[in-house]
Every structure is written in structure tokens, then in C-alpha cells.
């Protein structure tokens, strides 16, 4: 079931909210939580009921393994639990990829049928791996099976995160905090903004990204501006799609009195790749740091080992997103970016102290943003050939051309265009203009508009703001008629697009 579907917005969510709060106020908190468990399992089963068995088996096995780890304090139990989780995700997500590549290398004629990927398997598996490791490291345990089920299956964050720690969620399920009208107002407002991001902004620009990548996949070389237009369109489609989902998850959780951690903090404002990963998919970055990078040794054994650990972490982070060489290349690219970034920061602090942040910032932002866009090309392209063709076109190696109608309007620049060897082609002028207007608009929103953290900073629970600071929070949401009207308009516009419902991109991971 999608957050941006009629079934969810007008049936599932209102009914679940009504029953939850009736039970909470007139029966007991425990009965309300039990209803939330049933609703969350129904929410998951809506997509593919058969995989509810897999989710249930995963929850049961991890719950009892955690109890064994807590009781016997044996490292091999933790290793067993982690390996079992990785085996499940390895079978469903990576087995076909590895068998096909092994067959190709060995020359064997092996045929493996594609396995339908269970929804959210990466998210609920990694969340439980983190829980097992935390039980071992910190000797904490959740004795209540029902609350553990809710920790894993809570529907606002079940499908695409954020990836949460038990320490963030389980205490909230135990507390009997009163849910005020402010929770509803803030939750609905954040949800509406997220819905608008997804259905209007992300889906609106998707139509200018998908055809370009499909064209490259078919071996048809796009021109310079078309390739950059497609890459940038996907850059903003992915951001507003996943950021919109994360905002919707935070808003939905608040309607039930639960605070989820922030997952995005304007990552396209980052001035370096380290800062980008502190802002993009924050909970995944935290997971990779705490449970992979630190486990590999972190920065404790010298800079060579540190950089190796960074690179390995990002390669495996790329593989987490999908079974394919493009995801591995994307992870390796970002691992290389991080190594270069840390190396340059070290050199700058020692030998280039004369470089001032003020005049260096525009160059730093440009380099970071271009590096991210290049990475997204591998992330989006279905094949390596398609990605390389896109990058070749983006480099200008395949020539530069503009629609003939636009060339006519640029007649006063004809000497310069001729010197640059810019050609022309018939048709496509309107698509060209629409693509770049969308890109300029969404780039402006990404850079200059406040994000959810900034807009609701004074209203968000400490749990959501934890670990993330905000320096610019001048424009603040208020419980006023003006804000109610503005949010209502966003919701109405978003709902008006439901005829072209589309899945969230991170559902594929």
C-alpha cells in the first residue's frame, strides 16, 4: 500500500487513526498498540500477502536470538544472528546476480529465474541486525514481544525507513504520553509537505528523466544538454521522492505520538562529500558508520587503514542499494570521493590555511554537486553501458546541439555557438525548455527553501532533532489560519495528482 494512494489516504489511515485513539483513550494503551501491530501487518501484506510469512519469520527468529544473546552473552550467537539475516537478504536480493556473474566467468550455462524481491527486506533486516549487535554491545533487551514486533513493523517507517535504533523507539511505545492537537497539526502538515514533494515535484520531473535514460539504454546517444537534463532531472526526482517519503513517515508517526529520527537535512547544500553523507539518508549513514566502518576498525589504525575502511564501507553501502555492478561502482565512487575529501581536508589544514571558506565555498559546492550527479548516473542507469553512454554525452564527447527553434532565438550568439561547434536538430524545443525550467525550480527549492527540520524546528520532538543542528530557522511553522491554508493548498494539489500514482524509488532497495 502506498502513502500516495486513495486506499491509504481515505480508508486505511483515517480508520487506523480513529480506532487507535478510541482504544488508547477508552480502553488501554496496550490495546491501541496491538491494533497498530495488526494495522502494520495488514499494510505490509497489502502488497504481497505471501511475504508476510517471511517478515513474521524474520521477526520471530531475531527476537529469540536476541534473547539468547542477552542471556548467554556469547559472541557466536550474535555472529549466527547476523549471518542468518544476511543469508536471507543474500538469497532474495543477490543470489541471481552472483550466480549469473559466476556463470559468465566460468562459461557455464546456468539459468536462474529472477526472484521477486520482498518489499522492504533491506530496511527491516538491517534494523534487526543493528538490534542484535546493540544487545551484545550494550546488554539491552526488549522483553515484550508485541513491542518488538511494533519496533520492526511500525508502518510509517517499515517500507523505506528511516532505519531506527531500539533505544529510539521502544521507550516511546512504553511511555503513555498524551497526544495533543499540536501532534496532529504538525504531523498532518509535515505529511502534506512530503506528499506534495512526492506526487508533484518528484513525479513531475520524472517524465524528463526516464526517457533520457531509456534512450541511452537502447544505445541511442543523447546530446550534451539532453544528457545533462536527464541526469539532473533524476537527481531531483530521487531527492524529492525519498525526502518526501521520509517527511511523510515522520508526519504519520507523529499522528500516533511517535517521533522518528530525521533522514534528510538539505543534502544538496553540502560543500563537501563528507557533509553530503551527514545530510543524505542520515540513518543509513549512521548504520554504516556504527555497524560497519567502526567494526572494520574505523580510524584507529592509521590513515591508510582508515581510508580503506571508508572505501569498503561505501562499496558495501552501494551493494546494499541493489545487486548490480552499477551500484558497486556508485559505492566505489563515493568511497573514493570520501578518501579524496578527507585527504584534501588534511592537506588544507596543514599547508593551505590561506584558503578562505568565503571564496572557496562556491567552487566546493559545484565540485560536490557535480560529483553527486555523476554518481547518480550509475545509480539510475539499468546497465553499465547505458551509464557510460550518458557520461560520454555529458562530457561533450558526443557533440553539443540545441533545438532549432531555440537556436533561432539565440541568433545574436551565433558566432560563439559556431566557434563552440554547437549544432541543431528539429523539434524538442518545448521539452528542452520544460526540462530546464523544472531543474532550475527544484534546484532553487533545494538550496534556498527551508527543509522540514528548519520549518518545524520549534515544534518537532527532541527525538527527531537529536544529533542534527539547524542554523537557519527564521521561517517557522505556526498553528495559524495562514499556515493552515498554505498546507491545505499543498495537500489539495498533491491529492489532485493521485490518478498517476507511482511507487517510491526506494521501494526497489
Protein backbone atom coordinates (compact mmCIF):
# COMPACT_ATOMS: atom_id res chain seq x y z
CA UNK A 1 0.00 0.00 0.00
CA UNK A 2 1.40 3.39 -0.99
CA UNK A 3 1.24 6.56 1.10
CA UNK A 4 0.17 8.36 -2.08
CA UNK A 5 -2.77 6.08 -2.87
CA UNK A 6 -6.50 6.57 -2.44
CA UNK A 7 -6.76 3.39 -0.33
CA UNK A 8 -4.20 4.67 2.16
CA UNK A 9 -5.25 8.32 2.34
CA UNK A 10 -9.00 7.90 2.55
CA UNK A 11 -9.53 4.45 4.06
CA UNK A 12 -6.58 2.85 5.84
CA UNK A 13 -5.13 5.94 7.56
CA UNK A 14 -8.40 7.54 8.82
CA UNK A 15 -9.73 4.19 10.07
CA UNK A 16 -6.46 3.26 11.80
CA UNK A 17 -6.17 6.67 13.43
CA UNK A 18 -9.78 6.63 14.65
CA UNK A 19 -9.57 3.13 16.14
CA UNK A 20 -6.12 3.73 17.64
CA UNK A 21 -7.15 6.84 19.54
CA UNK A 22 -10.51 5.38 20.61
CA UNK A 23 -8.73 2.37 22.10
CA UNK A 24 -5.98 4.49 23.62
CA UNK A 25 -8.37 6.82 25.43
CA UNK A 26 -11.23 4.48 26.26
CA UNK A 27 -9.66 1.03 26.68
CA UNK A 28 -5.86 0.93 27.17
CA UNK A 29 -2.59 1.93 25.59
CA UNK A 30 -1.69 -1.73 25.17
CA UNK A 31 -4.81 -2.45 23.14
CA UNK A 32 -4.07 0.56 20.94
CA UNK A 33 -0.52 -0.71 20.32
CA UNK A 34 -1.91 -4.15 19.48
CA UNK A 35 -4.19 -2.53 16.90
CA UNK A 36 -1.17 -0.72 15.46
CA UNK A 37 0.61 -4.06 15.05
CA UNK A 38 -2.37 -5.56 13.20
CA UNK A 39 -2.66 -2.46 11.01
CA UNK A 40 1.07 -2.52 10.21
CA UNK A 41 1.00 -6.19 9.22
CA UNK A 42 -2.08 -5.58 7.07
CA UNK A 43 -0.30 -2.60 5.49
CA UNK A 44 2.66 -4.83 4.58
CA UNK A 45 0.52 -7.75 3.40
CA UNK A 46 -1.44 -5.48 1.02
CA UNK A 47 1.46 -5.61 -1.45
CA UNK A 48 2.15 -9.37 -1.39
CA UNK A 49 0.46 -11.43 1.36
CA UNK A 50 2.85 -14.36 0.91
CA UNK A 51 5.83 -12.30 2.07
CA UNK A 52 4.11 -11.61 5.37
CA UNK A 53 5.33 -15.11 6.27
CA UNK A 54 8.93 -14.02 5.61
CA UNK A 55 8.53 -10.87 7.70
CA UNK A 56 6.95 -12.86 10.54
CA UNK A 57 9.72 -15.49 10.47
CA UNK A 58 12.36 -12.75 10.48
CA UNK A 59 10.79 -11.02 13.49
CA UNK A 60 10.35 -14.26 15.46
CA UNK A 61 13.86 -15.58 14.81
CA UNK A 62 15.58 -12.28 15.62
CA UNK A 63 13.54 -11.81 18.79
CA UNK A 64 14.56 -15.20 20.20
CA UNK A 65 18.17 -14.91 19.02
CA UNK A 66 18.37 -11.54 20.81
CA UNK A 67 17.05 -13.14 24.00
CA UNK A 68 19.70 -15.86 23.71
CA UNK A 69 22.45 -13.25 23.16
CA UNK A 70 21.27 -11.32 26.23
CA UNK A 71 21.09 -14.45 28.40
CA UNK A 72 24.27 -16.29 27.41
CA UNK A 73 26.43 -13.34 26.23
CA UNK A 74 28.16 -15.37 23.53
CA UNK A 75 29.64 -13.60 20.53
CA UNK A 76 28.98 -16.60 18.31
CA UNK A 77 25.25 -16.15 18.86
CA UNK A 78 25.48 -12.59 17.54
CA UNK A 79 27.52 -13.80 14.58
CA UNK A 80 24.93 -16.50 13.93
CA UNK A 81 22.07 -13.99 14.03
CA UNK A 82 23.84 -11.58 11.68
CA UNK A 83 24.74 -14.39 9.27
CA UNK A 84 21.17 -15.70 9.19
CA UNK A 85 19.86 -12.22 8.37
CA UNK A 86 22.48 -11.73 5.67
CA UNK A 87 21.71 -15.18 4.26
CA UNK A 88 18.05 -14.29 3.82
CA UNK A 89 18.78 -10.94 2.20
CA UNK A 90 21.55 -12.58 0.15
CA UNK A 91 19.18 -15.18 -1.27
CA UNK A 92 16.39 -12.80 -2.21
CA UNK A 93 18.47 -9.83 -3.28
CA UNK A 94 21.86 -11.06 -4.51
CA UNK A 95 21.69 -14.75 -5.44
CA UNK A 96 20.67 -14.18 -9.07
CA UNK A 97 23.35 -11.50 -9.51
CA UNK A 98 26.15 -13.69 -8.14
CA UNK A 99 25.06 -16.88 -9.95
CA UNK A 100 24.75 -15.06 -13.28
CA UNK A 101 28.17 -13.45 -12.93
CA UNK A 102 29.74 -16.72 -11.82
CA UNK A 103 28.20 -18.44 -14.84
CA UNK A 104 29.55 -15.73 -17.13
CA UNK A 105 33.08 -16.03 -15.69
CA UNK A 106 33.11 -19.83 -15.80
CA UNK A 107 31.36 -20.17 -19.14
CA UNK A 108 28.67 -22.36 -17.58
CA UNK A 109 25.15 -22.38 -18.98
CA UNK A 110 23.28 -21.79 -15.72
CA UNK A 111 19.76 -20.42 -15.80
CA UNK A 112 18.36 -18.84 -12.64
CA UNK A 113 14.89 -17.39 -12.56
CA UNK A 114 14.51 -13.87 -11.21
CA UNK A 115 13.34 -13.86 -7.58
CA UNK A 116 10.67 -11.34 -6.65
CA UNK A 117 12.28 -9.04 -4.07
CA UNK A 118 10.26 -8.87 -0.82
CA UNK A 119 9.21 -5.33 -0.03
CA UNK A 120 11.43 -3.51 2.50
CA UNK A 121 13.70 -6.51 3.10
CA UNK A 122 16.81 -4.31 3.27
CA UNK A 123 15.28 -1.98 5.82
CA UNK A 124 13.73 -4.44 8.26
CA UNK A 125 16.74 -6.79 8.02
CA UNK A 126 19.34 -4.11 8.73
CA UNK A 127 17.23 -2.68 11.53
CA UNK A 128 17.20 -6.08 13.22
CA UNK A 129 20.92 -6.64 12.63
CA UNK A 130 21.53 -3.36 14.46
CA UNK A 131 19.32 -4.56 17.29
CA UNK A 132 21.24 -7.84 17.69
CA UNK A 133 24.56 -6.01 17.81
CA UNK A 134 23.20 -3.48 20.30
CA UNK A 135 22.00 -6.31 22.55
CA UNK A 136 25.53 -7.69 22.53
CA UNK A 137 27.33 -4.36 22.92
CA UNK A 138 25.10 -2.64 25.44
CA UNK A 139 23.28 -5.55 27.10
CA UNK A 140 19.84 -4.10 26.47
CA UNK A 141 16.80 -6.18 25.61
CA UNK A 142 13.13 -5.67 24.83
CA UNK A 143 11.20 -8.19 26.97
CA UNK A 144 7.86 -7.51 25.31
CA UNK A 145 7.36 -9.43 22.08
CA UNK A 146 4.49 -7.18 20.97
CA UNK A 147 6.61 -4.04 21.35
CA UNK A 148 9.46 -5.68 19.46
CA UNK A 149 7.08 -6.53 16.61
CA UNK A 150 5.94 -2.92 16.54
CA UNK A 151 9.56 -1.72 16.59
CA UNK A 152 10.24 -3.68 13.39
CA UNK A 153 6.86 -3.39 11.65
CA UNK A 154 5.60 0.13 12.54
CA UNK A 155 4.05 1.01 9.17
CA UNK A 156 5.19 4.64 8.76
CA UNK A 157 8.85 3.53 8.58
CA UNK A 158 8.56 -0.15 7.65
CA UNK A 159 8.90 0.14 3.88
CA UNK A 160 11.71 2.66 3.32
CA UNK A 161 12.95 3.76 6.72
CA UNK A 162 14.30 5.63 8.48
CA UNK A 163 16.42 2.84 9.96
CA UNK A 164 15.86 3.28 13.69
CA UNK A 165 17.54 2.02 16.87
CA UNK A 166 15.61 0.20 19.56
CA UNK A 167 16.63 2.95 22.00
CA UNK A 168 14.81 5.48 19.86
CA UNK A 169 11.53 3.60 19.50
CA UNK A 170 10.92 1.14 22.32
CA UNK A 171 10.84 3.70 25.16
CA UNK A 172 8.20 5.62 23.20
CA UNK A 173 5.98 2.53 22.98
CA UNK A 174 6.27 2.08 26.74
CA UNK A 175 5.50 5.69 27.63
CA UNK A 176 1.93 6.87 27.96
CA UNK A 177 2.46 10.39 26.68
CA UNK A 178 -0.72 12.33 25.91
CA UNK A 179 -1.18 13.07 22.21
CA UNK A 180 -2.28 16.67 21.77
CA UNK A 181 -3.89 18.56 18.93
CA UNK A 182 -0.42 20.01 18.26
CA UNK A 183 0.80 16.49 17.36
CA UNK A 184 -1.99 16.25 14.79
CA UNK A 185 -1.41 19.71 13.33
CA UNK A 186 2.36 19.24 13.00
CA UNK A 187 2.04 15.64 11.80
CA UNK A 188 -0.53 16.42 9.12
CA UNK A 189 1.44 19.45 7.97
CA UNK A 190 4.68 17.51 7.59
CA UNK A 191 2.84 14.65 5.89
CA UNK A 192 1.22 17.06 3.42
CA UNK A 193 4.56 18.63 2.55
CA UNK A 194 6.05 15.18 1.98
CA UNK A 195 3.08 14.15 -0.16
CA UNK A 196 3.48 17.30 -2.27
CA UNK A 197 7.20 16.61 -2.69
CA UNK A 198 6.47 13.12 -3.97
CA UNK A 199 3.39 13.50 -6.15
CA UNK A 200 4.00 16.97 -7.57
CA UNK A 201 7.76 17.61 -7.55
CA UNK A 202 9.35 14.14 -7.83
CA UNK A 203 6.75 12.65 -10.16
CA UNK A 204 6.51 15.93 -12.07
CA UNK A 205 10.17 15.94 -13.09
CA UNK A 206 10.40 12.14 -13.53
CA UNK A 207 8.93 12.41 -17.04
CA UNK A 208 12.03 14.36 -18.10
CA UNK A 209 14.49 11.87 -16.59
CA UNK A 210 13.13 8.45 -17.56
CA UNK A 211 13.04 8.86 -21.38
CA UNK A 212 16.67 10.02 -21.47
CA UNK A 213 17.97 7.01 -19.53
CA UNK A 214 15.76 4.68 -21.60
CA UNK A 215 17.20 6.20 -24.78
CA UNK A 216 20.77 5.66 -23.55
CA UNK A 217 19.91 2.09 -22.54
CA UNK A 218 18.81 1.40 -26.10
CA UNK A 219 22.21 2.60 -27.37
CA UNK A 220 20.90 5.93 -28.69
CA UNK A 221 23.34 8.68 -27.72
CA UNK A 222 21.65 11.79 -26.25
CA UNK A 223 23.13 15.18 -26.96
CA UNK A 224 25.03 17.16 -24.33
CA UNK A 225 22.11 19.20 -22.94
CA UNK A 226 19.66 16.30 -23.12
CA UNK A 227 22.04 14.06 -21.17
CA UNK A 228 22.64 16.70 -18.50
CA UNK A 229 18.92 17.45 -18.40
CA UNK A 230 18.12 13.77 -17.82
CA UNK A 231 20.83 13.34 -15.16
CA UNK A 232 19.80 16.49 -13.27
CA UNK A 233 16.11 15.61 -13.58
CA UNK A 234 16.83 12.25 -11.92
CA UNK A 235 19.00 13.98 -9.31
CA UNK A 236 15.98 15.98 -8.15
CA UNK A 237 13.45 13.20 -8.72
CA UNK A 238 15.34 10.91 -6.36
CA UNK A 239 15.80 13.60 -3.73
CA UNK A 240 12.19 14.78 -3.61
CA UNK A 241 10.91 11.20 -3.87
CA UNK A 242 12.88 9.85 -0.91
CA UNK A 243 12.85 13.07 1.08
CA UNK A 244 9.09 13.22 0.55
CA UNK A 245 8.69 9.65 1.81
CA UNK A 246 10.84 10.40 4.88
CA UNK A 247 8.81 13.53 5.67
CA UNK A 248 5.58 11.57 5.29
CA UNK A 249 6.92 8.88 7.65
CA UNK A 250 7.78 11.49 10.30
CA UNK A 251 4.37 13.14 9.93
CA UNK A 252 2.47 9.84 10.12
CA UNK A 253 4.39 8.72 13.20
CA UNK A 254 3.56 11.98 14.98
CA UNK A 255 -0.14 11.29 14.44
CA UNK A 256 0.37 8.27 16.70
CA UNK A 257 2.55 10.16 19.17
CA UNK A 258 5.81 8.59 17.94
CA UNK A 259 8.90 10.62 16.98
CA UNK A 260 11.07 9.22 14.18
CA UNK A 261 14.61 10.49 13.53
CA UNK A 262 15.27 12.91 10.70
CA UNK A 263 16.57 11.32 7.50
CA UNK A 264 17.35 14.35 5.32
CA UNK A 265 18.82 17.76 6.04
CA UNK A 266 19.16 19.57 2.68
CA UNK A 267 21.97 17.36 1.30
CA UNK A 268 22.31 19.38 -1.91
CA UNK A 269 23.53 22.30 0.17
CA UNK A 270 26.62 20.33 1.17
CA UNK A 271 30.01 21.89 0.46
CA UNK A 272 31.86 18.57 0.52
CA UNK A 273 31.05 14.89 0.20
CA UNK A 274 31.54 14.24 3.93
CA UNK A 275 28.88 16.83 4.69
CA UNK A 276 26.67 15.34 1.97
CA UNK A 277 26.64 11.99 3.76
CA UNK A 278 25.85 13.70 7.05
CA UNK A 279 22.75 15.11 5.35
CA UNK A 280 21.62 12.39 2.87
CA UNK A 281 19.81 9.31 4.23
CA UNK A 282 21.13 10.16 7.70
CA UNK A 283 20.01 6.92 9.35
CA UNK A 284 21.68 4.73 6.72
CA UNK A 285 24.91 6.75 7.06
CA UNK A 286 24.68 6.24 10.82
CA UNK A 287 24.15 2.49 10.40
CA UNK A 288 27.13 2.14 8.04
CA UNK A 289 29.32 4.14 10.43
CA UNK A 290 28.29 2.42 13.67
CA UNK A 291 27.99 -1.19 12.50
CA UNK A 292 30.35 -1.48 9.55
CA UNK A 293 33.01 1.26 9.49
CA UNK A 294 33.71 1.07 13.23
CA UNK A 295 33.58 -2.75 13.16
CA UNK A 296 36.23 -2.72 10.42
CA UNK A 297 38.47 -0.64 12.69
CA UNK A 298 37.35 2.89 11.89
CA UNK A 299 40.22 5.35 12.12
CA UNK A 300 42.08 3.53 14.89
CA UNK A 301 44.91 2.03 12.82
CA UNK A 302 46.36 4.87 10.78
CA UNK A 303 45.22 6.81 7.76
CA UNK A 304 45.76 4.02 5.19
CA UNK A 305 43.57 1.62 7.15
CA UNK A 306 41.08 4.43 7.75
CA UNK A 307 40.76 5.20 4.05
CA UNK A 308 40.50 1.50 3.22
CA UNK A 309 37.69 1.12 5.75
CA UNK A 310 35.90 4.15 4.29
CA UNK A 311 36.14 2.73 0.79
CA UNK A 312 34.98 -0.76 1.80
CA UNK A 313 32.07 0.71 3.78
CA UNK A 314 30.83 2.72 0.83
CA UNK A 315 31.21 -0.17 -1.62
CA UNK A 316 29.10 -2.35 0.66
CA UNK A 317 26.71 0.58 1.08
CA UNK A 318 26.35 0.65 -2.69
CA UNK A 319 25.67 -3.08 -2.72
CA UNK A 320 23.00 -2.56 -0.04
CA UNK A 321 21.05 -0.49 -2.55
CA UNK A 322 20.93 -3.20 -5.17
CA UNK A 323 22.53 -6.26 -6.75
CA UNK A 324 24.33 -4.87 -9.78
CA UNK A 325 27.69 -3.59 -10.95
CA UNK A 326 26.34 -0.06 -11.25
CA UNK A 327 25.54 0.02 -7.52
CA UNK A 328 29.01 -1.28 -6.72
CA UNK A 329 30.55 1.41 -8.94
CA UNK A 330 28.35 4.05 -7.30
CA UNK A 331 29.52 2.93 -3.86
CA UNK A 332 33.16 2.83 -5.01
CA UNK A 333 32.82 6.33 -6.44
CA UNK A 334 31.54 7.70 -3.15
CA UNK A 335 34.21 5.78 -1.26
CA UNK A 336 36.83 7.43 -3.48
CA UNK A 337 35.16 10.81 -3.02
CA UNK A 338 35.37 10.43 0.77
CA UNK A 339 39.04 9.43 0.64
CA UNK A 340 39.88 12.45 -1.54
CA UNK A 341 37.78 14.75 0.67
CA UNK A 342 39.48 13.62 3.90
CA UNK A 343 42.93 13.80 2.28
CA UNK A 344 42.33 17.31 0.96
CA UNK A 345 40.98 18.47 4.34
CA UNK A 346 44.17 17.19 5.99
CA UNK A 347 46.40 18.91 3.41
CA UNK A 348 44.39 22.13 3.61
CA UNK A 349 44.65 22.32 7.40
CA UNK A 350 48.42 21.84 7.26
CA UNK A 351 49.56 23.58 4.08
CA UNK A 352 46.68 25.58 2.57
CA UNK A 353 45.41 27.58 5.52
CA UNK A 354 45.33 30.70 3.33
CA UNK A 355 42.26 29.31 1.50
CA UNK A 356 39.26 31.08 2.98
CA UNK A 357 35.85 29.46 3.21
CA UNK A 358 34.05 32.50 1.80
CA UNK A 359 35.52 32.46 -1.69
CA UNK A 360 36.17 28.72 -1.74
CA UNK A 361 32.55 27.78 -0.93
CA UNK A 362 31.06 28.24 -4.47
CA UNK A 363 33.78 26.06 -6.00
CA UNK A 364 33.43 23.46 -3.24
CA UNK A 365 29.65 23.30 -3.71
CA UNK A 366 29.97 22.99 -7.50
CA UNK A 367 32.52 20.16 -7.29
CA UNK A 368 30.44 18.32 -4.69
CA UNK A 369 27.20 18.66 -6.61
CA UNK A 370 28.72 17.55 -9.93
CA UNK A 371 30.35 14.56 -8.22
CA UNK A 372 26.99 13.56 -6.75
CA UNK A 373 25.23 13.90 -10.13
CA UNK A 374 27.86 11.73 -11.84
CA UNK A 375 27.29 9.11 -9.14
CA UNK A 376 23.53 9.22 -9.66
CA UNK A 377 24.02 8.32 -13.34
CA UNK A 378 25.39 4.90 -12.30
CA UNK A 379 22.69 4.65 -9.63
CA UNK A 380 19.88 5.18 -12.16
CA UNK A 381 21.10 3.55 -15.37
CA UNK A 382 19.95 -0.09 -15.71
CA UNK A 383 23.29 -1.17 -17.21
CA UNK A 384 26.92 -0.13 -17.24
CA UNK A 385 26.77 0.54 -20.99
CA UNK A 386 23.85 2.92 -20.52
CA UNK A 387 25.63 4.78 -17.72
CA UNK A 388 28.85 5.16 -19.72
CA UNK A 389 26.92 6.40 -22.75
CA UNK A 390 25.20 9.01 -20.57
CA UNK A 391 28.51 10.16 -19.09
CA UNK A 392 30.12 10.31 -22.53
CA UNK A 393 27.31 12.57 -23.73
CA UNK A 394 27.55 14.70 -20.56
CA UNK A 395 31.28 15.22 -21.20
CA UNK A 396 30.54 16.72 -24.62
CA UNK A 397 32.38 13.92 -26.42
CA UNK A 398 29.27 13.17 -28.49
CA UNK A 399 28.80 16.78 -29.55
CA UNK A 400 26.64 19.68 -28.43
CA UNK A 401 23.38 20.65 -30.07
CA UNK A 402 20.22 22.62 -29.36
CA UNK A 403 16.67 22.54 -30.75
CA UNK A 404 16.45 24.55 -33.96
CA UNK A 405 13.75 26.82 -32.53
CA UNK A 406 15.99 27.83 -29.64
CA UNK A 407 18.99 28.32 -31.96
CA UNK A 408 16.93 30.83 -33.94
CA UNK A 409 16.21 32.79 -30.77
CA UNK A 410 19.94 32.79 -29.97
CA UNK A 411 20.92 34.28 -33.29
CA UNK A 412 22.86 37.09 -31.60
CA UNK A 413 25.18 34.40 -30.16
CA UNK A 414 25.72 32.63 -33.49
CA UNK A 415 29.48 33.45 -33.73
CA UNK A 416 30.08 31.97 -30.28
CA UNK A 417 27.87 28.95 -31.00
CA UNK A 418 29.70 28.29 -34.27
CA UNK A 419 33.07 28.59 -32.50
CA UNK A 420 31.85 26.03 -29.94
CA UNK A 421 30.62 23.82 -32.80
CA UNK A 422 27.06 23.75 -31.44
CA UNK A 423 24.69 22.04 -33.85
CA UNK A 424 20.91 22.00 -34.07
CA UNK A 425 18.10 19.49 -34.51
CA UNK A 426 14.44 19.73 -35.39
CA UNK A 427 11.75 19.51 -32.69
CA UNK A 428 12.07 19.05 -28.94
CA UNK A 429 12.18 22.73 -28.11
CA UNK A 430 9.26 22.67 -25.65
CA UNK A 431 10.59 19.57 -23.84
CA UNK A 432 14.02 21.25 -23.61
CA UNK A 433 12.52 24.39 -22.04
CA UNK A 434 10.27 22.45 -19.65
CA UNK A 435 13.14 20.22 -18.52
CA UNK A 436 15.42 23.10 -17.63
CA UNK A 437 12.65 25.15 -16.03
CA UNK A 438 11.91 22.18 -13.75
CA UNK A 439 15.61 21.79 -12.96
CA UNK A 440 16.05 25.46 -12.11
CA UNK A 441 12.91 25.45 -9.94
CA UNK A 442 13.85 22.34 -7.96
CA UNK A 443 17.47 23.42 -7.59
CA UNK A 444 16.21 26.70 -6.12
CA UNK A 445 13.90 24.86 -3.71
CA UNK A 446 16.74 22.54 -2.67
CA UNK A 447 19.15 25.39 -1.99
CA UNK A 448 17.04 28.27 -0.73
CA UNK A 449 13.83 26.89 0.79
CA UNK A 450 13.77 25.71 4.43
CA UNK A 451 13.57 21.97 4.98
CA UNK A 452 11.25 20.22 7.45
CA UNK A 453 13.79 20.48 10.27
CA UNK A 454 14.13 24.23 9.77
CA UNK A 455 10.44 24.87 9.19
CA UNK A 456 9.22 22.88 12.22
CA UNK A 457 12.29 23.14 14.46
CA UNK A 458 10.39 24.59 17.43
CA UNK A 459 7.58 22.03 17.07
CA UNK A 460 9.49 18.80 16.47
CA UNK A 461 10.19 16.43 19.37
CA UNK A 462 13.75 16.22 20.65
CA UNK A 463 13.96 12.66 19.31
CA UNK A 464 13.56 13.94 15.75
CA UNK A 465 16.02 16.80 16.18
CA UNK A 466 18.57 14.67 18.03
CA UNK A 467 22.07 14.93 16.62
CA UNK A 468 21.10 17.46 13.93
CA UNK A 469 21.64 21.17 14.40
CA UNK A 470 19.97 23.94 12.47
CA UNK A 471 21.48 27.37 11.95
CA UNK A 472 18.78 28.99 9.85
CA UNK A 473 15.29 28.67 11.26
CA UNK A 474 13.88 32.14 10.72
CA UNK A 475 10.73 30.95 8.93
CA UNK A 476 8.79 28.82 11.40
CA UNK A 477 5.52 26.96 11.08
CA UNK A 478 2.82 28.30 13.40
CA UNK A 479 -0.66 26.96 14.27
CA UNK A 480 -2.35 29.79 12.39
CA UNK A 481 -5.01 30.21 9.71
CA UNK A 482 -2.36 31.32 7.20
CA UNK A 483 -0.30 28.20 7.66
CA UNK A 484 -3.42 26.01 7.64
CA UNK A 485 -4.46 27.50 4.29
CA UNK A 486 -0.98 27.07 2.78
CA UNK A 487 -0.68 23.44 3.91
CA UNK A 488 -4.23 22.69 2.75
CA UNK A 489 -3.43 24.00 -0.72
CA UNK A 490 -0.34 21.77 -0.90
CA UNK A 491 -2.44 18.77 0.15
CA UNK A 492 -5.19 19.52 -2.37
CA UNK A 493 -2.71 19.92 -5.23
CA UNK A 494 -0.97 16.69 -4.18
CA UNK A 495 -4.24 14.74 -3.98
CA UNK A 496 -5.27 16.02 -7.41
CA UNK A 497 -2.37 14.03 -8.92
CA UNK A 498 -3.37 10.64 -7.46
CA UNK A 499 -4.64 9.48 -10.85
CA UNK A 500 -1.00 8.85 -11.81
CA UNK A 501 0.07 7.03 -8.65
CA UNK A 502 3.68 5.80 -8.75
CA UNK A 503 5.81 3.81 -6.35
CA UNK A 504 8.56 5.36 -4.28
CA UNK A 505 12.02 4.81 -5.78
CA UNK A 506 13.49 3.38 -2.57
CA UNK A 507 10.88 0.61 -2.58
CA UNK A 508 13.25 -1.05 -5.06
CA UNK A 509 16.04 -1.25 -2.49
